[in-house]
Amino acid sequence: HFGICWTPIVKHSAYAQVGVDHPLAQKGSVYLAD
């Protein structure tokens, strides 16, 4: 609408970031319920 060019560069998956002392830190992956 504004006349702005839109150029995708790259896509990446979303990750959960937690501190090393977080209860989930040692898991290889998590679910939203976790």
PDB file of all heavy atoms in Angstrom:
ATOM      1  N   HIS A   1       0.829  -1.210   0.000  1.00  0.00           N
ATOM      2  CA  HIS A   1       0.000   0.000   0.000  1.00  0.00           C
ATOM      3  C   HIS A   1       0.862   1.257   0.000  1.00  0.00           C
ATOM      4  O   HIS A   1       0.509   2.265  -0.625  1.00  0.00           O
ATOM      5  CB  HIS A   1      -0.918  -0.012   1.224  1.00  0.00           C
ATOM      6  CG  HIS A   1      -1.747   1.229   1.375  1.00  0.00           C
ATOM      7  ND1 HIS A   1      -2.810   1.520   0.546  1.00  0.00           N
ATOM      8  CD2 HIS A   1      -1.650   2.273   2.250  1.00  0.00           C
ATOM      9  CE1 HIS A   1      -3.347   2.679   0.899  1.00  0.00           C
ATOM     10  NE2 HIS A   1      -2.664   3.146   1.934  1.00  0.00           N
ATOM     11  N   PHE A   2       2.002   1.218   0.690  1.00  0.00           N
ATOM     12  CA  PHE A   2       2.887   2.375   0.790  1.00  0.00           C
ATOM     13  C   PHE A   2       3.872   2.469  -0.374  1.00  0.00           C
ATOM     14  O   PHE A   2       4.695   3.393  -0.412  1.00  0.00           O
ATOM     15  CB  PHE A   2       3.673   2.325   2.108  1.00  0.00           C
ATOM     16  CG  PHE A   2       2.867   2.729   3.307  1.00  0.00           C
ATOM     17  CD1 PHE A   2       3.349   2.478   4.579  1.00  0.00           C
ATOM     18  CD2 PHE A   2       1.645   3.368   3.179  1.00  0.00           C
ATOM     19  CE1 PHE A   2       2.624   2.862   5.707  1.00  0.00           C
ATOM     20  CE2 PHE A   2       0.916   3.749   4.288  1.00  0.00           C
ATOM     21  CZ  PHE A   2       1.403   3.505   5.549  1.00  0.00           C
ATOM     22  N   GLY A   3       3.844   1.516  -1.292  1.00  0.00           N
ATOM     23  CA  GLY A   3       4.810   1.537  -2.386  1.00  0.00           C
ATOM     24  C   GLY A   3       6.204   1.130  -1.946  1.00  0.00           C
ATOM     25  O   GLY A   3       7.210   1.677  -2.412  1.00  0.00           O
ATOM     26  N   ILE A   4       6.254   0.166  -1.035  1.00  0.00           N
ATOM     27  CA  ILE A   4       7.520  -0.309  -0.480  1.00  0.00           C
ATOM     28  C   ILE A   4       7.825  -1.700  -1.031  1.00  0.00           C
ATOM     29  O   ILE A   4       6.969  -2.587  -0.993  1.00  0.00           O
ATOM     30  CB  ILE A   4       7.463  -0.337   1.059  1.00  0.00           C
ATOM     31  CG1 ILE A   4       7.350   1.082   1.611  1.00  0.00           C
ATOM     32  CG2 ILE A   4       8.675  -1.048   1.648  1.00  0.00           C
ATOM     33  CD1 ILE A   4       7.163   1.135   3.119  1.00  0.00           C
ATOM     34  N   CYS A   5       9.022  -1.863  -1.523  1.00  0.00           N
ATOM     35  CA  CYS A   5       9.471  -3.151  -2.060  1.00  0.00           C
ATOM     36  C   CYS A   5       9.728  -4.128  -0.920  1.00  0.00           C
ATOM     37  O   CYS A   5      10.377  -3.783   0.069  1.00  0.00           O
ATOM     38  CB  CYS A   5      10.737  -2.946  -2.890  1.00  0.00           C
ATOM     39  SG  CYS A   5      11.403  -4.460  -3.621  1.00  0.00           S
ATOM     40  N   TRP A   6       9.250  -5.356  -1.074  1.00  0.00           N
ATOM     41  CA  TRP A   6       9.333  -6.397  -0.041  1.00  0.00           C
ATOM     42  C   TRP A   6      10.175  -7.540  -0.588  1.00  0.00           C
ATOM     43  O   TRP A   6       9.775  -8.218  -1.519  1.00  0.00           O
ATOM     44  CB  TRP A   6       7.917  -6.865   0.299  1.00  0.00           C
ATOM     45  CG  TRP A   6       7.781  -7.983   1.275  1.00  0.00           C
ATOM     46  CD1 TRP A   6       7.987  -9.311   1.034  1.00  0.00           C
ATOM     47  CD2 TRP A   6       7.350  -7.891   2.645  1.00  0.00           C
ATOM     48  NE1 TRP A   6       7.731 -10.046   2.160  1.00  0.00           N
ATOM     49  CE2 TRP A   6       7.334  -9.205   3.168  1.00  0.00           C
ATOM     50  CE3 TRP A   6       6.976  -6.833   3.465  1.00  0.00           C
ATOM     51  CZ2 TRP A   6       6.957  -9.478   4.481  1.00  0.00           C
ATOM     52  CZ3 TRP A   6       6.613  -7.105   4.771  1.00  0.00           C
ATOM     53  CH2 TRP A   6       6.609  -8.408   5.261  1.00  0.00           C
ATOM     54  N   THR A   7      11.382  -7.754  -0.027  1.00  0.00           N
ATOM     55  CA  THR A   7      12.288  -8.782  -0.520  1.00  0.00           C
ATOM     56  C   THR A   7      12.654  -9.758   0.598  1.00  0.00           C
ATOM     57  O   THR A   7      13.448  -9.424   1.491  1.00  0.00           O
ATOM     58  CB  THR A   7      13.587  -8.158  -1.068  1.00  0.00           C
ATOM     59  OG1 THR A   7      13.266  -7.188  -2.064  1.00  0.00           O
ATOM     60  CG2 THR A   7      14.477  -9.229  -1.686  1.00  0.00           C
ATOM     61  N   PRO A   8      12.075 -10.972   0.597  1.00  0.00           N
ATOM     62  CA  PRO A   8      12.443 -11.973   1.613  1.00  0.00           C
ATOM     63  C   PRO A   8      13.907 -12.366   1.474  1.00  0.00           C
ATOM     64  O   PRO A   8      14.430 -12.514   0.362  1.00  0.00           O
ATOM     65  CB  PRO A   8      11.519 -13.149   1.295  1.00  0.00           C
ATOM     66  CG  PRO A   8      10.397 -12.559   0.491  1.00  0.00           C
ATOM     67  CD  PRO A   8      11.012 -11.442  -0.295  1.00  0.00           C
ATOM     68  N   ILE A   9      14.571 -12.550   2.620  1.00  0.00           N
ATOM     69  CA  ILE A   9      15.983 -12.953   2.609  1.00  0.00           C
ATOM     70  C   ILE A   9      16.142 -14.400   3.038  1.00  0.00           C
ATOM     71  O   ILE A   9      16.793 -15.192   2.356  1.00  0.00           O
ATOM     72  CB  ILE A   9      16.813 -12.023   3.527  1.00  0.00           C
ATOM     73  CG1 ILE A   9      16.818 -10.591   2.958  1.00  0.00           C
ATOM     74  CG2 ILE A   9      18.247 -12.532   3.657  1.00  0.00           C
ATOM     75  CD1 ILE A   9      17.591  -9.601   3.802  1.00  0.00           C
ATOM     76  N   VAL A  10      15.540 -14.773   4.166  1.00  0.00           N
ATOM     77  CA  VAL A  10      15.702 -16.144   4.660  1.00  0.00           C
ATOM     78  C   VAL A  10      14.599 -16.447   5.672  1.00  0.00           C
ATOM     79  O   VAL A  10      14.051 -15.531   6.293  1.00  0.00           O
ATOM     80  CB  VAL A  10      17.098 -16.332   5.312  1.00  0.00           C
ATOM     81  CG1 VAL A  10      17.214 -15.518   6.592  1.00  0.00           C
ATOM     82  CG2 VAL A  10      17.408 -17.798   5.551  1.00  0.00           C
ATOM     83  N   LYS A  11      14.265 -17.740   5.818  1.00  0.00           N
ATOM     84  CA  LYS A  11      13.300 -18.188   6.819  1.00  0.00           C
ATOM     85  C   LYS A  11      13.991 -19.053   7.855  1.00  0.00           C
ATOM     86  O   LYS A  11      14.893 -19.826   7.524  1.00  0.00           O
ATOM     87  CB  LYS A  11      12.170 -18.994   6.159  1.00  0.00           C
ATOM     88  CG  LYS A  11      10.973 -18.181   5.723  1.00  0.00           C
ATOM     89  CD  LYS A  11       9.815 -19.091   5.334  1.00  0.00           C
ATOM     90  CE  LYS A  11       8.567 -18.280   5.030  1.00  0.00           C
ATOM     91  NZ  LYS A  11       7.407 -19.159   4.717  1.00  0.00           N
ATOM     92  N   HIS A  12      13.537 -18.944   9.109  1.00  0.00           N
ATOM     93  CA  HIS A  12      14.081 -19.753  10.190  1.00  0.00           C
ATOM     94  C   HIS A  12      12.971 -20.180  11.141  1.00  0.00           C
ATOM     95  O   HIS A  12      12.002 -19.442  11.336  1.00  0.00           O
ATOM     96  CB  HIS A  12      15.148 -18.989  10.973  1.00  0.00           C
ATOM     97  CG  HIS A  12      16.422 -18.790  10.221  1.00  0.00           C
ATOM     98  ND1 HIS A  12      17.274 -19.819   9.928  1.00  0.00           N
ATOM     99  CD2 HIS A  12      16.974 -17.675   9.684  1.00  0.00           C
ATOM    100  CE1 HIS A  12      18.313 -19.338   9.247  1.00  0.00           C
ATOM    101  NE2 HIS A  12      18.158 -18.052   9.101  1.00  0.00           N
ATOM    102  N   SER A  13      13.138 -21.351  11.737  1.00  0.00           N
ATOM    103  CA  SER A  13      12.168 -21.850  12.707  1.00  0.00           C
ATOM    104  C   SER A  13      12.273 -21.088  14.023  1.00  0.00           C
ATOM    105  O   SER A  13      13.312 -20.496  14.337  1.00  0.00           O
ATOM    106  CB  SER A  13      12.396 -23.343  12.965  1.00  0.00           C
ATOM    107  OG  SER A  13      12.236 -24.082  11.774  1.00  0.00           O
ATOM    108  N   ALA A  14      11.189 -21.110  14.775  1.00  0.00           N
ATOM    109  CA  ALA A  14      11.169 -20.453  16.080  1.00  0.00           C
ATOM    110  C   ALA A  14      11.704 -21.399  17.151  1.00  0.00           C
ATOM    111  O   ALA A  14      11.426 -22.599  17.128  1.00  0.00           O
ATOM    112  CB  ALA A  14       9.753 -20.016  16.418  1.00  0.00           C
ATOM    113  N   TYR A  15      12.477 -20.855  18.083  1.00  0.00           N
ATOM    114  CA  TYR A  15      13.060 -21.619  19.192  1.00  0.00           C
ATOM    115  C   TYR A  15      12.672 -20.974  20.519  1.00  0.00           C
ATOM    116  O   TYR A  15      12.451 -19.761  20.589  1.00  0.00           O
ATOM    117  CB  TYR A  15      14.592 -21.625  19.098  1.00  0.00           C
ATOM    118  CG  TYR A  15      15.160 -22.637  18.126  1.00  0.00           C
ATOM    119  CD1 TYR A  15      14.964 -22.510  16.758  1.00  0.00           C
ATOM    120  CD2 TYR A  15      15.910 -23.727  18.577  1.00  0.00           C
ATOM    121  CE1 TYR A  15      15.492 -23.427  15.867  1.00  0.00           C
ATOM    122  CE2 TYR A  15      16.443 -24.651  17.694  1.00  0.00           C
ATOM    123  CZ  TYR A  15      16.230 -24.499  16.348  1.00  0.00           C
ATOM    124  OH  TYR A  15      16.756 -25.414  15.468  1.00  0.00           O
ATOM    125  N   ALA A  16      12.625 -21.792  21.553  1.00  0.00           N
ATOM    126  CA  ALA A  16      12.460 -21.276  22.913  1.00  0.00           C
ATOM    127  C   ALA A  16      13.849 -21.017  23.497  1.00  0.00           C
ATOM    128  O   ALA A  16      14.716 -21.896  23.459  1.00  0.00           O
ATOM    129  CB  ALA A  16      11.707 -22.270  23.780  1.00  0.00           C
ATOM    130  N   GLN A  17      14.056 -19.812  24.006  1.00  0.00           N
ATOM    131  CA  GLN A  17      15.329 -19.456  24.631  1.00  0.00           C
ATOM    132  C   GLN A  17      15.138 -19.455  26.147  1.00  0.00           C
ATOM    133  O   GLN A  17      14.234 -18.784  26.651  1.00  0.00           O
ATOM    134  CB  GLN A  17      15.798 -18.085  24.153  1.00  0.00           C
ATOM    135  CG  GLN A  17      16.013 -17.998  22.649  1.00  0.00           C
ATOM    136  CD  GLN A  17      16.425 -16.605  22.207  1.00  0.00           C
ATOM    137  OE1 GLN A  17      16.820 -15.764  23.019  1.00  0.00           O
ATOM    138  NE2 GLN A  17      16.336 -16.346  20.913  1.00  0.00           N
ATOM    139  N   VAL A  18      16.000 -20.194  26.856  1.00  0.00           N
ATOM    140  CA  VAL A  18      15.918 -20.265  28.315  1.00  0.00           C
ATOM    141  C   VAL A  18      17.326 -20.214  28.891  1.00  0.00           C
ATOM    142  O   VAL A  18      18.309 -20.510  28.207  1.00  0.00           O
ATOM    143  CB  VAL A  18      15.219 -21.563  28.786  1.00  0.00           C
ATOM    144  CG1 VAL A  18      13.797 -21.628  28.262  1.00  0.00           C
ATOM    145  CG2 VAL A  18      16.008 -22.801  28.349  1.00  0.00           C
ATOM    146  N   GLY A  19      17.425 -19.837  30.150  1.00  0.00           N
ATOM    147  CA  GLY A  19      18.713 -19.831  30.823  1.00  0.00           C
ATOM    148  C   GLY A  19      19.189 -21.247  31.130  1.00  0.00           C
ATOM    149  O   GLY A  19      18.396 -22.193  31.144  1.00  0.00           O
ATOM    150  N   VAL A  20      20.475 -21.401  31.363  1.00  0.00           N
ATOM    151  CA  VAL A  20      21.044 -22.739  31.587  1.00  0.00           C
ATOM    152  C   VAL A  20      20.514 -23.378  32.864  1.00  0.00           C
ATOM    153  O   VAL A  20      20.556 -24.613  32.998  1.00  0.00           O
ATOM    154  CB  VAL A  20      22.586 -22.671  31.633  1.00  0.00           C
ATOM    155  CG1 VAL A  20      23.153 -22.325  30.280  1.00  0.00           C
ATOM    156  CG2 VAL A  20      23.066 -21.677  32.697  1.00  0.00           C
ATOM    157  N   ASP A  21      20.011 -22.584  33.802  1.00  0.00           N
ATOM    158  CA  ASP A  21      19.471 -23.134  35.047  1.00  0.00           C
ATOM    159  C   ASP A  21      17.952 -23.330  34.981  1.00  0.00           C
ATOM    160  O   ASP A  21      17.334 -23.709  35.988  1.00  0.00           O
ATOM    161  CB  ASP A  21      19.820 -22.205  36.212  1.00  0.00           C
ATOM    162  CG  ASP A  21      21.321 -22.125  36.464  1.00  0.00           C
ATOM    163  OD1 ASP A  21      21.994 -23.166  36.279  1.00  0.00           O
ATOM    164  OD2 ASP A  21      21.817 -21.040  36.821  1.00  0.00           O
ATOM    165  N   HIS A  22      17.371 -23.081  33.842  1.00  0.00           N
ATOM    166  CA  HIS A  22      15.929 -23.263  33.680  1.00  0.00           C
ATOM    167  C   HIS A  22      15.581 -24.743  33.787  1.00  0.00           C
ATOM    168  O   HIS A  22      16.356 -25.606  33.335  1.00  0.00           O
ATOM    169  CB  HIS A  22      15.488 -22.720  32.322  1.00  0.00           C
ATOM    170  CG  HIS A  22      14.001 -22.534  32.185  1.00  0.00           C
ATOM    171  ND1 HIS A  22      13.147 -23.598  31.957  1.00  0.00           N
ATOM    172  CD2 HIS A  22      13.226 -21.420  32.241  1.00  0.00           C
ATOM    173  CE1 HIS A  22      11.911 -23.142  31.876  1.00  0.00           C
ATOM    174  NE2 HIS A  22      11.924 -21.827  32.050  1.00  0.00           N
ATOM    175  N   PRO A  23      14.443 -25.102  34.364  1.00  0.00           N
ATOM    176  CA  PRO A  23      14.055 -26.514  34.482  1.00  0.00           C
ATOM    177  C   PRO A  23      13.993 -27.258  33.146  1.00  0.00           C
ATOM    178  O   PRO A  23      14.125 -28.485  33.119  1.00  0.00           O
ATOM    179  CB  PRO A  23      12.659 -26.432  35.123  1.00  0.00           C
ATOM    180  CG  PRO A  23      12.671 -25.149  35.885  1.00  0.00           C
ATOM    181  CD  PRO A  23      13.494 -24.206  35.071  1.00  0.00           C
ATOM    182  N   LEU A  24      13.817 -26.532  32.048  1.00  0.00           N
ATOM    183  CA  LEU A  24      13.719 -27.180  30.729  1.00  0.00           C
ATOM    184  C   LEU A  24      15.041 -27.162  29.962  1.00  0.00           C
ATOM    185  O   LEU A  24      15.114 -27.679  28.843  1.00  0.00           O
ATOM    186  CB  LEU A  24      12.652 -26.472  29.876  1.00  0.00           C
ATOM    187  CG  LEU A  24      11.236 -26.421  30.435  1.00  0.00           C
ATOM    188  CD1 LEU A  24      10.339 -25.611  29.508  1.00  0.00           C
ATOM    189  CD2 LEU A  24      10.675 -27.836  30.611  1.00  0.00           C
ATOM    190  N   ALA A  25      16.076 -26.586  30.562  1.00  0.00           N
ATOM    191  CA  ALA A  25      17.315 -26.336  29.819  1.00  0.00           C
ATOM    192  C   ALA A  25      17.973 -27.597  29.271  1.00  0.00           C
ATOM    193  O   ALA A  25      18.643 -27.550  28.238  1.00  0.00           O
ATOM    194  CB  ALA A  25      18.299 -25.577  30.715  1.00  0.00           C
ATOM    195  N   GLN A  26      17.796 -28.724  29.927  1.00  0.00           N
ATOM    196  CA  GLN A  26      18.482 -29.947  29.508  1.00  0.00           C
ATOM    197  C   GLN A  26      17.681 -30.758  28.492  1.00  0.00           C
ATOM    198  O   GLN A  26      18.146 -31.793  28.027  1.00  0.00           O
ATOM    199  CB  GLN A  26      18.804 -30.806  30.733  1.00  0.00           C
ATOM    200  CG  GLN A  26      19.662 -30.103  31.769  1.00  0.00           C
ATOM    201  CD  GLN A  26      20.913 -29.473  31.175  1.00  0.00           C
ATOM    202  OE1 GLN A  26      21.611 -30.104  30.369  1.00  0.00           O
ATOM    203  NE2 GLN A  26      21.199 -28.235  31.548  1.00  0.00           N
ATOM    204  N   LYS A  27      16.504 -30.299  28.151  1.00  0.00           N
ATOM    205  CA  LYS A  27      15.707 -30.993  27.143  1.00  0.00           C
ATOM    206  C   LYS A  27      16.266 -30.740  25.746  1.00  0.00           C
ATOM    207  O   LYS A  27      16.779 -29.667  25.454  1.00  0.00           O
ATOM    208  CB  LYS A  27      14.244 -30.534  27.201  1.00  0.00           C
ATOM    209  CG  LYS A  27      13.447 -31.106  28.362  1.00  0.00           C
ATOM    210  CD  LYS A  27      12.018 -30.613  28.292  1.00  0.00           C
ATOM    211  CE  LYS A  27      11.132 -31.366  29.291  1.00  0.00           C
ATOM    212  NZ  LYS A  27      10.862 -32.744  28.839  1.00  0.00           N
ATOM    213  N   GLY A  28      16.123 -31.720  24.873  1.00  0.00           N
ATOM    214  CA  GLY A  28      16.565 -31.537  23.490  1.00  0.00           C
ATOM    215  C   GLY A  28      15.594 -30.684  22.696  1.00  0.00           C
ATOM    216  O   GLY A  28      15.979 -29.994  21.748  1.00  0.00           O
ATOM    217  N   SER A  29      14.323 -30.734  23.068  1.00  0.00           N
ATOM    218  CA  SER A  29      13.281 -29.933  22.435  1.00  0.00           C
ATOM    219  C   SER A  29      12.118 -29.822  23.415  1.00  0.00           C
ATOM    220  O   SER A  29      12.093 -30.520  24.434  1.00  0.00           O
ATOM    221  CB  SER A  29      12.809 -30.564  21.118  1.00  0.00           C
ATOM    222  OG  SER A  29      12.248 -31.845  21.354  1.00  0.00           O
ATOM    223  N   VAL A  30      11.176 -28.942  23.108  1.00  0.00           N
ATOM    224  CA  VAL A  30      10.038 -28.739  24.011  1.00  0.00           C
ATOM    225  C   VAL A  30       8.743 -28.644  23.214  1.00  0.00           C
ATOM    226  O   VAL A  30       8.752 -28.430  21.997  1.00  0.00           O
ATOM    227  CB  VAL A  30      10.207 -27.457  24.858  1.00  0.00           C
ATOM    228  CG1 VAL A  30      11.364 -27.591  25.821  1.00  0.00           C
ATOM    229  CG2 VAL A  30      10.373 -26.237  23.959  1.00  0.00           C
ATOM    230  N   TYR A  31       7.640 -28.804  23.934  1.00  0.00           N
ATOM    231  CA  TYR A  31       6.313 -28.569  23.389  1.00  0.00           C
ATOM    232  C   TYR A  31       5.739 -27.331  24.070  1.00  0.00           C
ATOM    233  O   TYR A  31       6.210 -26.917  25.137  1.00  0.00           O
ATOM    234  CB  TYR A  31       5.408 -29.776  23.625  1.00  0.00           C
ATOM    235  CG  TYR A  31       5.796 -30.994  22.821  1.00  0.00           C
ATOM    236  CD1 TYR A  31       6.738 -31.894  23.324  1.00  0.00           C
ATOM    237  CD2 TYR A  31       5.232 -31.237  21.576  1.00  0.00           C
ATOM    238  CE1 TYR A  31       7.105 -33.018  22.597  1.00  0.00           C
ATOM    239  CE2 TYR A  31       5.585 -32.360  20.833  1.00  0.00           C
ATOM    240  CZ  TYR A  31       6.517 -33.245  21.347  1.00  0.00           C
ATOM    241  OH  TYR A  31       6.889 -34.343  20.621  1.00  0.00           O
ATOM    242  N   LEU A  32       4.729 -26.744  23.471  1.00  0.00           N
ATOM    243  CA  LEU A  32       4.112 -25.560  24.063  1.00  0.00           C
ATOM    244  C   LEU A  32       3.587 -25.844  25.468  1.00  0.00           C
ATOM    245  O   LEU A  32       3.631 -24.978  26.345  1.00  0.00           O
ATOM    246  CB  LEU A  32       2.982 -25.050  23.167  1.00  0.00           C
ATOM    247  CG  LEU A  32       3.422 -24.442  21.823  1.00  0.00           C
ATOM    248  CD1 LEU A  32       2.198 -24.083  20.990  1.00  0.00           C
ATOM    249  CD2 LEU A  32       4.297 -23.215  22.038  1.00  0.00           C
ATOM    250  N   ALA A  33       3.104 -27.059  25.683  1.00  0.00           N
ATOM    251  CA  ALA A  33       2.608 -27.428  27.012  1.00  0.00           C
ATOM    252  C   ALA A  33       3.727 -27.400  28.050  1.00  0.00           C
ATOM    253  O   ALA A  33       3.483 -27.120  29.232  1.00  0.00           O
ATOM    254  CB  ALA A  33       1.966 -28.810  26.965  1.00  0.00           C
ATOM    255  N   ASP A  34       4.962 -27.731  27.635  1.00  0.00           N
ATOM    256  CA  ASP A  34       6.100 -27.675  28.555  1.00  0.00           C
ATOM    257  C   ASP A  34       6.376 -26.240  29.003  1.00  0.00           C
ATOM    258  O   ASP A  34       6.820 -26.000  30.136  1.00  0.00           O
ATOM    259  CB  ASP A  34       7.356 -28.237  27.875  1.00  0.00           C
ATOM    260  CG  ASP A  34       7.208 -29.698  27.496  1.00  0.00           C
ATOM    261  OD1 ASP A  34       6.506 -30.425  28.222  1.00  0.00           O
ATOM    262  OD2 ASP A  34       7.777 -30.104  26.463  1.00  0.00           O
TER     263      ASP A  34
END
